[in-house]
Amino acid sequence: MTTFLTATLLLLAQAQDPTPRTWEVDGVKREAIVYAPSKKTDGKVPLVFDFHGHGGTAKHAARTHHFQEAWPEAVVVYMQGLNTPGKLTDPEGKKSGWQSGPGDQKDRDLNFFDAVLASMKKDYPIDEKRIYSTGHSNGGAFTYLLWAKRGDVFAAFAPVAAAAGPYFADAKPKPLFHAASEKDPLVTFAMQQRTLDRVKKLNGCEDQGTDWAKGCLQYSSKNGAPVVIYLHDEGHKYPQPTPALIVKFFQEQAKK
């Protein structure tokens, strides 16, 4: 079998099946699940990072968020967290999660992101104008941390059921999709609303929103950084329409 044919079959296999990957970061084994594009496109491809909530797993996120199906032209990476003390639950850190602020756990998760990003750029023709981050709950909070500390990398962000911490003062305007519920018993709507107010001010958004999709209002921005807010009634859960809405938003955003 020729080298070219072998490489072609390998790419096809990668496009159809998830690829578990490991990295050694600061002496610790880290893991993620990578989906190569299942739909061929010409040129460079978008890259989506997804972060599970506290106590979650990359495997469960891949099964339930299914960005690889919602955006088959993209490389999708489901990152796996390590045992981490939670801000709202699990103070002893018996479950998996992500650092809550800069410097926590010696920035192990920011360093993990840096390592995976470098690998994806090496292994795939990544479009550096179309790199995105999303996550649920603690993973959404980590997405806000990435915005503050690695914001120049990304075109847009999409946290779900999450709020930003004091570190967000370092953030620069970026497009945002945020899913929230007034019935959320864990990350309360008041907590999320404070974050959204900060983002809308940062992005220079209009006071009044306009319909963008079912359940969604878009606040236009003088900085070219719109905010879309998706309100649902499912509490702290991850609503089924969310991935398609996030992909729709991401597809409208690219770094200038």
C-alpha atoms as a PDB file:
ATOM      1  CA  MET A   1       0.000   0.000   0.000  1.00  0.00           C
ATOM      2  CA  THR A   2       1.446   3.361  -0.960  1.00  0.00           C
ATOM      3  CA  THR A   3       2.304   5.987   1.625  1.00  0.00           C
ATOM      4  CA  PHE A   4      -0.276   8.327   0.069  1.00  0.00           C
ATOM      5  CA  LEU A   5      -3.055   5.723   0.302  1.00  0.00           C
ATOM      6  CA  THR A   6      -2.114   4.870   3.879  1.00  0.00           C
ATOM      7  CA  ALA A   7      -2.285   8.534   4.866  1.00  0.00           C
ATOM      8  CA  THR A   8      -5.620   8.955   3.098  1.00  0.00           C
ATOM      9  CA  LEU A   9      -7.173   5.993   4.910  1.00  0.00           C
ATOM     10  CA  LEU A  10      -5.842   7.289   8.211  1.00  0.00           C
ATOM     11  CA  LEU A  11      -7.452  10.687   7.638  1.00  0.00           C
ATOM     12  CA  LEU A  12     -10.765   9.036   6.747  1.00  0.00           C
ATOM     13  CA  ALA A  13     -10.653   6.937   9.888  1.00  0.00           C
ATOM     14  CA  GLN A  14      -9.902  10.002  11.977  1.00  0.00           C
ATOM     15  CA  ALA A  15     -12.802  11.851  10.368  1.00  0.00           C
ATOM     16  CA  GLN A  16     -15.271   9.084  11.246  1.00  0.00           C
ATOM     17  CA  ASP A  17     -14.139   8.153  14.757  1.00  0.00           C
ATOM     18  CA  PRO A  18     -13.071  10.036  17.884  1.00  0.00           C
ATOM     19  CA  THR A  19      -9.364   9.960  18.617  1.00  0.00           C
ATOM     20  CA  PRO A  20      -8.299   9.784  22.290  1.00  0.00           C
ATOM     21  CA  ARG A  21      -5.134  11.826  22.757  1.00  0.00           C
ATOM     22  CA  THR A  22      -2.734  12.311  25.663  1.00  0.00           C
ATOM     23  CA  TRP A  23      -0.207  15.003  26.540  1.00  0.00           C
ATOM     24  CA  GLU A  24       2.266  15.355  29.363  1.00  0.00           C
ATOM     25  CA  VAL A  25       1.856  18.837  30.812  1.00  0.00           C
ATOM     26  CA  ASP A  26       3.957  19.909  33.790  1.00  0.00           C
ATOM     27  CA  GLY A  27       4.724  16.240  34.438  1.00  0.00           C
ATOM     28  CA  VAL A  28       1.051  15.181  34.489  1.00  0.00           C
ATOM     29  CA  LYS A  29      -0.751  13.042  31.910  1.00  0.00           C
ATOM     30  CA  ARG A  30      -3.625  14.993  30.357  1.00  0.00           C
ATOM     31  CA  GLU A  31      -6.310  13.663  28.035  1.00  0.00           C
ATOM     32  CA  ALA A  32      -8.753  14.883  25.390  1.00  0.00           C
ATOM     33  CA  ILE A  33     -10.966  13.432  22.678  1.00  0.00           C
ATOM     34  CA  VAL A  34     -10.410  14.856  19.202  1.00  0.00           C
ATOM     35  CA  TYR A  35     -12.820  14.685  16.277  1.00  0.00           C
ATOM     36  CA  ALA A  36     -11.340  15.459  12.887  1.00  0.00           C
ATOM     37  CA  PRO A  37     -13.689  17.001  10.291  1.00  0.00           C
ATOM     38  CA  SER A  38     -16.111  14.431   8.859  1.00  0.00           C
ATOM     39  CA  LYS A  39     -17.036  16.711   5.959  1.00  0.00           C
ATOM     40  CA  LYS A  40     -14.354  17.674   3.480  1.00  0.00           C
ATOM     41  CA  THR A  41     -13.751  21.357   2.837  1.00  0.00           C
ATOM     42  CA  ASP A  42     -11.196  23.271   0.842  1.00  0.00           C
ATOM     43  CA  GLY A  43      -8.619  25.219   2.775  1.00  0.00           C
ATOM     44  CA  LYS A  44      -8.320  25.732   6.508  1.00  0.00           C
ATOM     45  CA  VAL A  45     -10.774  24.438   9.114  1.00  0.00           C
ATOM     46  CA  PRO A  46     -12.336  25.878  12.292  1.00  0.00           C
ATOM     47  CA  LEU A  47     -11.391  24.583  15.747  1.00  0.00           C
ATOM     48  CA  VAL A  48     -13.785  24.214  18.695  1.00  0.00           C
ATOM     49  CA  PHE A  49     -12.735  23.494  22.291  1.00  0.00           C
ATOM     50  CA  ASP A  50     -15.390  22.107  24.663  1.00  0.00           C
ATOM     51  CA  PHE A  51     -15.008  21.908  28.465  1.00  0.00           C
ATOM     52  CA  HIS A  52     -17.249  19.681  30.600  1.00  0.00           C
ATOM     53  CA  GLY A  53     -18.778  20.779  33.892  1.00  0.00           C
ATOM     54  CA  HIS A  54     -17.522  19.896  37.380  1.00  0.00           C
ATOM     55  CA  GLY A  55     -17.709  16.145  37.843  1.00  0.00           C
ATOM     56  CA  GLY A  56     -18.129  15.578  34.118  1.00  0.00           C
ATOM     57  CA  THR A  57     -16.032  13.831  31.514  1.00  0.00           C
ATOM     58  CA  ALA A  58     -14.897  14.478  27.968  1.00  0.00           C
ATOM     59  CA  LYS A  59     -16.681  11.284  26.859  1.00  0.00           C
ATOM     60  CA  HIS A  60     -20.016  12.437  28.258  1.00  0.00           C
ATOM     61  CA  ALA A  61     -19.592  15.897  26.728  1.00  0.00           C
ATOM     62  CA  ALA A  62     -18.876  14.341  23.329  1.00  0.00           C
ATOM     63  CA  ARG A  63     -22.049  12.215  23.584  1.00  0.00           C
ATOM     64  CA  THR A  64     -24.342  15.010  24.738  1.00  0.00           C
ATOM     65  CA  HIS A  65     -22.932  18.182  23.136  1.00  0.00           C
ATOM     66  CA  HIS A  66     -22.137  16.486  19.783  1.00  0.00           C
ATOM     67  CA  PHE A  67     -20.458  19.515  18.148  1.00  0.00           C
ATOM     68  CA  GLN A  68     -18.800  17.049  15.776  1.00  0.00           C
ATOM     69  CA  GLU A  69     -22.265  16.449  14.294  1.00  0.00           C
ATOM     70  CA  ALA A  70     -23.492  20.033  14.480  1.00  0.00           C
ATOM     71  CA  TRP A  71     -20.359  21.303  12.707  1.00  0.00           C
ATOM     72  CA  PRO A  72     -18.852  18.438  10.669  1.00  0.00           C
ATOM     73  CA  GLU A  73     -16.377  20.762   8.906  1.00  0.00           C
ATOM     74  CA  ALA A  74     -14.637  21.601  12.211  1.00  0.00           C
ATOM     75  CA  VAL A  75     -12.005  19.992  14.399  1.00  0.00           C
ATOM     76  CA  VAL A  76     -13.658  19.496  17.804  1.00  0.00           C
ATOM     77  CA  VAL A  77     -11.697  18.860  20.994  1.00  0.00           C
ATOM     78  CA  TYR A  78     -13.360  17.651  24.190  1.00  0.00           C
ATOM     79  CA  MET A  79     -10.941  18.327  27.028  1.00  0.00           C
ATOM     80  CA  GLN A  80     -10.750  16.184  30.180  1.00  0.00           C
ATOM     81  CA  GLY A  81     -10.309  17.909  33.532  1.00  0.00           C
ATOM     82  CA  LEU A  82      -8.523  16.684  36.660  1.00  0.00           C
ATOM     83  CA  ASN A  83      -9.840  16.427  40.214  1.00  0.00           C
ATOM     84  CA  THR A  84     -10.372  20.020  41.318  1.00  0.00           C
ATOM     85  CA  PRO A  85     -11.930  21.744  44.361  1.00  0.00           C
ATOM     86  CA  GLY A  86     -15.194  23.343  43.257  1.00  0.00           C
ATOM     87  CA  LYS A  87     -16.318  26.861  44.102  1.00  0.00           C
ATOM     88  CA  LEU A  88     -19.966  25.876  44.603  1.00  0.00           C
ATOM     89  CA  THR A  89     -19.728  22.108  45.229  1.00  0.00           C
ATOM     90  CA  ASP A  90     -17.079  19.456  46.018  1.00  0.00           C
ATOM     91  CA  PRO A  91     -14.717  21.624  48.127  1.00  0.00           C
ATOM     92  CA  GLU A  92     -12.438  18.633  48.685  1.00  0.00           C
ATOM     93  CA  GLY A  93     -11.832  18.268  44.960  1.00  0.00           C
ATOM     94  CA  LYS A  94     -12.867  14.638  44.545  1.00  0.00           C
ATOM     95  CA  LYS A  95     -14.335  15.258  41.088  1.00  0.00           C
ATOM     96  CA  SER A  96     -12.970  16.458  37.786  1.00  0.00           C
ATOM     97  CA  GLY A  97     -13.019  20.114  36.850  1.00  0.00           C
ATOM     98  CA  TRP A  98     -11.065  23.206  35.825  1.00  0.00           C
ATOM     99  CA  GLN A  99      -9.098  25.893  37.590  1.00  0.00           C
ATOM    100  CA  SER A 100     -11.316  28.764  38.718  1.00  0.00           C
ATOM    101  CA  GLY A 101      -8.891  31.643  38.337  1.00  0.00           C
ATOM    102  CA  PRO A 102      -5.412  32.631  37.172  1.00  0.00           C
ATOM    103  CA  GLY A 103      -2.690  30.917  39.204  1.00  0.00           C
ATOM    104  CA  ASP A 104      -4.990  28.233  40.619  1.00  0.00           C
ATOM    105  CA  GLN A 105      -3.379  24.766  40.549  1.00  0.00           C
ATOM    106  CA  LYS A 106      -0.301  26.495  39.079  1.00  0.00           C
ATOM    107  CA  ASP A 107      -2.267  27.286  35.906  1.00  0.00           C
ATOM    108  CA  ARG A 108      -2.287  23.602  35.013  1.00  0.00           C
ATOM    109  CA  ASP A 109      -5.401  23.922  32.814  1.00  0.00           C
ATOM    110  CA  LEU A 110      -4.256  27.039  30.978  1.00  0.00           C
ATOM    111  CA  ASN A 111      -1.003  25.190  30.283  1.00  0.00           C
ATOM    112  CA  PHE A 112      -2.980  22.146  29.130  1.00  0.00           C
ATOM    113  CA  PHE A 113      -4.951  24.311  26.720  1.00  0.00           C
ATOM    114  CA  ASP A 114      -1.723  25.807  25.345  1.00  0.00           C
ATOM    115  CA  ALA A 115      -0.286  22.338  24.706  1.00  0.00           C
ATOM    116  CA  VAL A 116      -3.408  21.038  22.957  1.00  0.00           C
ATOM    117  CA  LEU A 117      -3.743  24.167  20.829  1.00  0.00           C
ATOM    118  CA  ALA A 118      -0.151  23.770  19.643  1.00  0.00           C
ATOM    119  CA  SER A 119      -0.845  20.119  18.745  1.00  0.00           C
ATOM    120  CA  MET A 120      -4.006  20.948  16.813  1.00  0.00           C
ATOM    121  CA  LYS A 121      -2.178  23.597  14.786  1.00  0.00           C
ATOM    122  CA  LYS A 122       0.535  21.053  14.007  1.00  0.00           C
ATOM    123  CA  ASP A 123      -1.819  18.202  13.090  1.00  0.00           C
ATOM    124  CA  TYR A 124      -4.569  20.038  11.178  1.00  0.00           C
ATOM    125  CA  PRO A 125      -4.823  23.043   8.836  1.00  0.00           C
ATOM    126  CA  ILE A 126      -6.431  25.226  11.507  1.00  0.00           C
ATOM    127  CA  ASP A 127      -7.881  28.574  10.513  1.00  0.00           C
ATOM    128  CA  GLU A 128      -6.466  30.874  13.197  1.00  0.00           C
ATOM    129  CA  LYS A 129      -9.304  33.322  12.589  1.00  0.00           C
ATOM    130  CA  ARG A 130     -11.861  30.675  13.571  1.00  0.00           C
ATOM    131  CA  ILE A 131     -10.919  29.212  16.954  1.00  0.00           C
ATOM    132  CA  TYR A 132     -13.672  28.981  19.594  1.00  0.00           C
ATOM    133  CA  SER A 133     -14.306  27.890  23.183  1.00  0.00           C
ATOM    134  CA  THR A 134     -17.453  26.648  24.886  1.00  0.00           C
ATOM    135  CA  GLY A 135     -18.214  24.833  28.112  1.00  0.00           C
ATOM    136  CA  HIS A 136     -20.876  23.985  30.663  1.00  0.00           C
ATOM    137  CA  SER A 137     -20.937  25.263  34.264  1.00  0.00           C
ATOM    138  CA  ASN A 138     -17.360  25.040  35.604  1.00  0.00           C
ATOM    139  CA  GLY A 139     -16.269  24.457  31.995  1.00  0.00           C
ATOM    140  CA  GLY A 140     -18.130  27.618  31.020  1.00  0.00           C
ATOM    141  CA  ALA A 141     -16.375  29.524  33.784  1.00  0.00           C
ATOM    142  CA  PHE A 142     -13.062  28.213  32.424  1.00  0.00           C
ATOM    143  CA  THR A 143     -14.127  29.496  29.003  1.00  0.00           C
ATOM    144  CA  TYR A 144     -14.487  32.945  30.572  1.00  0.00           C
ATOM    145  CA  LEU A 145     -10.997  32.515  32.068  1.00  0.00           C
ATOM    146  CA  LEU A 146      -9.631  31.648  28.628  1.00  0.00           C
ATOM    147  CA  TRP A 147     -11.264  34.801  27.317  1.00  0.00           C
ATOM    148  CA  ALA A 148      -9.446  36.876  29.936  1.00  0.00           C
ATOM    149  CA  LYS A 149      -6.055  35.151  29.672  1.00  0.00           C
ATOM    150  CA  ARG A 150      -5.897  33.762  26.127  1.00  0.00           C
ATOM    151  CA  GLY A 151      -8.445  36.015  24.439  1.00  0.00           C
ATOM    152  CA  ASP A 152      -6.306  36.916  21.428  1.00  0.00           C
ATOM    153  CA  VAL A 153      -6.438  33.274  20.298  1.00  0.00           C
ATOM    154  CA  PHE A 154     -10.217  33.166  19.901  1.00  0.00           C
ATOM    155  CA  ALA A 155     -12.885  34.450  17.551  1.00  0.00           C
ATOM    156  CA  ALA A 156     -15.804  33.944  19.986  1.00  0.00           C
ATOM    157  CA  PHE A 157     -16.949  32.233  23.189  1.00  0.00           C
ATOM    158  CA  ALA A 158     -20.060  30.313  24.285  1.00  0.00           C
ATOM    159  CA  PRO A 159     -20.367  29.524  28.016  1.00  0.00           C
ATOM    160  CA  VAL A 160     -23.446  27.676  29.298  1.00  0.00           C
ATOM    161  CA  ALA A 161     -24.735  28.101  32.877  1.00  0.00           C
ATOM    162  CA  ALA A 162     -21.605  29.940  33.965  1.00  0.00           C
ATOM    163  CA  ALA A 163     -20.288  33.181  35.410  1.00  0.00           C
ATOM    164  CA  ALA A 164     -16.943  34.964  35.200  1.00  0.00           C
ATOM    165  CA  GLY A 165     -14.710  35.820  38.151  1.00  0.00           C
ATOM    166  CA  PRO A 166     -12.749  38.974  39.067  1.00  0.00           C
ATOM    167  CA  TYR A 167     -10.083  38.064  36.497  1.00  0.00           C
ATOM    168  CA  PHE A 168     -12.507  39.115  33.770  1.00  0.00           C
ATOM    169  CA  ALA A 169     -11.291  42.692  34.230  1.00  0.00           C
ATOM    170  CA  ASP A 170      -8.457  41.681  31.858  1.00  0.00           C
ATOM    171  CA  ALA A 171     -10.823  40.732  29.018  1.00  0.00           C
ATOM    172  CA  LYS A 172     -11.047  42.576  25.712  1.00  0.00           C
ATOM    173  CA  PRO A 173     -14.209  42.762  23.568  1.00  0.00           C
ATOM    174  CA  LYS A 174     -15.146  39.478  21.895  1.00  0.00           C
ATOM    175  CA  PRO A 175     -18.406  38.016  20.540  1.00  0.00           C
ATOM    176  CA  LEU A 176     -20.348  36.020  23.124  1.00  0.00           C
ATOM    177  CA  PHE A 177     -23.133  33.439  23.092  1.00  0.00           C
ATOM    178  CA  HIS A 178     -24.349  32.668  26.604  1.00  0.00           C
ATOM    179  CA  ALA A 179     -27.054  30.146  27.580  1.00  0.00           C
ATOM    180  CA  ALA A 180     -28.764  30.673  30.947  1.00  0.00           C
ATOM    181  CA  SER A 181     -31.880  29.788  32.916  1.00  0.00           C
ATOM    182  CA  GLU A 182     -33.738  31.834  35.493  1.00  0.00           C
ATOM    183  CA  LYS A 183     -34.397  28.498  37.247  1.00  0.00           C
ATOM    184  CA  ASP A 184     -30.703  27.585  37.657  1.00  0.00           C
ATOM    185  CA  PRO A 185     -30.290  26.457  41.306  1.00  0.00           C
ATOM    186  CA  LEU A 186     -26.483  26.300  41.233  1.00  0.00           C
ATOM    187  CA  VAL A 187     -25.087  29.163  39.151  1.00  0.00           C
ATOM    188  CA  THR A 188     -27.961  31.506  39.843  1.00  0.00           C
ATOM    189  CA  PHE A 189     -29.382  33.746  37.169  1.00  0.00           C
ATOM    190  CA  ALA A 190     -28.352  36.782  39.235  1.00  0.00           C
ATOM    191  CA  MET A 191     -24.716  35.606  39.090  1.00  0.00           C
ATOM    192  CA  GLN A 192     -24.918  35.065  35.350  1.00  0.00           C
ATOM    193  CA  GLN A 193     -26.731  38.379  34.797  1.00  0.00           C
ATOM    194  CA  ARG A 194     -23.896  40.271  36.489  1.00  0.00           C
ATOM    195  CA  THR A 195     -21.443  38.665  34.077  1.00  0.00           C
ATOM    196  CA  LEU A 196     -23.653  39.443  31.083  1.00  0.00           C
ATOM    197  CA  ASP A 197     -23.961  43.072  32.162  1.00  0.00           C
ATOM    198  CA  ARG A 198     -20.156  43.287  32.324  1.00  0.00           C
ATOM    199  CA  VAL A 199     -19.795  41.744  28.884  1.00  0.00           C
ATOM    200  CA  LYS A 200     -22.392  43.987  27.257  1.00  0.00           C
ATOM    201  CA  LYS A 201     -20.655  47.041  28.708  1.00  0.00           C
ATOM    202  CA  LEU A 202     -17.234  45.756  27.622  1.00  0.00           C
ATOM    203  CA  ASN A 203     -18.463  45.033  24.095  1.00  0.00           C
ATOM    204  CA  GLY A 204     -20.300  48.344  23.734  1.00  0.00           C
ATOM    205  CA  CYS A 205     -23.664  46.662  23.142  1.00  0.00           C
ATOM    206  CA  GLU A 206     -27.020  48.279  22.521  1.00  0.00           C
ATOM    207  CA  ASP A 207     -29.488  48.299  25.434  1.00  0.00           C
ATOM    208  CA  GLN A 208     -32.232  46.555  23.500  1.00  0.00           C
ATOM    209  CA  GLY A 209     -31.913  43.087  22.030  1.00  0.00           C
ATOM    210  CA  THR A 210     -33.425  41.809  18.802  1.00  0.00           C
ATOM    211  CA  ASP A 211     -34.638  38.314  17.937  1.00  0.00           C
ATOM    212  CA  TRP A 212     -31.798  36.125  16.674  1.00  0.00           C
ATOM    213  CA  ALA A 213     -33.238  32.600  16.998  1.00  0.00           C
ATOM    214  CA  LYS A 214     -35.951  30.931  19.066  1.00  0.00           C
ATOM    215  CA  GLY A 215     -35.362  31.898  22.696  1.00  0.00           C
ATOM    216  CA  CYS A 216     -32.397  34.098  21.777  1.00  0.00           C
ATOM    217  CA  LEU A 217     -31.857  37.852  21.839  1.00  0.00           C
ATOM    218  CA  GLN A 218     -28.905  39.495  20.124  1.00  0.00           C
ATOM    219  CA  TYR A 219     -27.396  42.727  21.405  1.00  0.00           C
ATOM    220  CA  SER A 220     -25.523  44.470  18.616  1.00  0.00           C
ATOM    221  CA  SER A 221     -22.117  45.977  19.358  1.00  0.00           C
ATOM    222  CA  LYS A 222     -20.341  49.083  18.162  1.00  0.00           C
ATOM    223  CA  ASN A 223     -17.111  47.074  18.544  1.00  0.00           C
ATOM    224  CA  GLY A 224     -18.259  44.288  16.231  1.00  0.00           C
ATOM    225  CA  ALA A 225     -18.606  41.975  19.241  1.00  0.00           C
ATOM    226  CA  PRO A 226     -22.306  41.049  19.529  1.00  0.00           C
ATOM    227  CA  VAL A 227     -23.801  39.265  22.517  1.00  0.00           C
ATOM    228  CA  VAL A 228     -26.472  36.591  22.062  1.00  0.00           C
ATOM    229  CA  ILE A 229     -28.328  35.409  25.168  1.00  0.00           C
ATOM    230  CA  TYR A 230     -30.295  32.162  25.046  1.00  0.00           C
ATOM    231  CA  LEU A 231     -32.803  31.882  27.894  1.00  0.00           C
ATOM    232  CA  HIS A 232     -34.359  28.505  28.652  1.00  0.00           C
ATOM    233  CA  ASP A 233     -36.293  26.906  31.510  1.00  0.00           C
ATOM    234  CA  GLU A 234     -34.201  23.788  32.150  1.00  0.00           C
ATOM    235  CA  GLY A 235     -32.292  25.004  35.185  1.00  0.00           C
ATOM    236  CA  HIS A 236     -28.645  23.936  35.320  1.00  0.00           C
ATOM    237  CA  LYS A 237     -29.070  21.361  32.550  1.00  0.00           C
ATOM    238  CA  TYR A 238     -27.575  21.549  29.063  1.00  0.00           C
ATOM    239  CA  PRO A 239     -30.592  22.052  26.742  1.00  0.00           C
ATOM    240  CA  GLN A 240     -30.771  19.952  23.591  1.00  0.00           C
ATOM    241  CA  PRO A 241     -30.922  22.934  21.149  1.00  0.00           C
ATOM    242  CA  THR A 242     -27.738  24.475  22.558  1.00  0.00           C
ATOM    243  CA  PRO A 243     -25.048  22.936  20.289  1.00  0.00           C
ATOM    244  CA  ALA A 244     -26.829  23.923  17.077  1.00  0.00           C
ATOM    245  CA  LEU A 245     -27.350  27.466  18.363  1.00  0.00           C
ATOM    246  CA  ILE A 246     -23.701  27.754  19.405  1.00  0.00           C
ATOM    247  CA  VAL A 247     -22.512  26.512  16.013  1.00  0.00           C
ATOM    248  CA  LYS A 248     -24.817  28.983  14.257  1.00  0.00           C
ATOM    249  CA  PHE A 249     -23.279  31.781  16.345  1.00  0.00           C
ATOM    250  CA  PHE A 250     -19.693  30.599  15.848  1.00  0.00           C
ATOM    251  CA  GLN A 251     -20.194  30.390  12.103  1.00  0.00           C
ATOM    252  CA  GLU A 252     -21.113  34.077  12.092  1.00  0.00           C
ATOM    253  CA  GLN A 253     -17.928  35.083  13.938  1.00  0.00           C
ATOM    254  CA  ALA A 254     -14.326  35.281  12.752  1.00  0.00           C
ATOM    255  CA  LYS A 255     -11.363  37.290  13.979  1.00  0.00           C
ATOM    256  CA  LYS A 256     -10.866  40.457  12.013  1.00  0.00           C
END
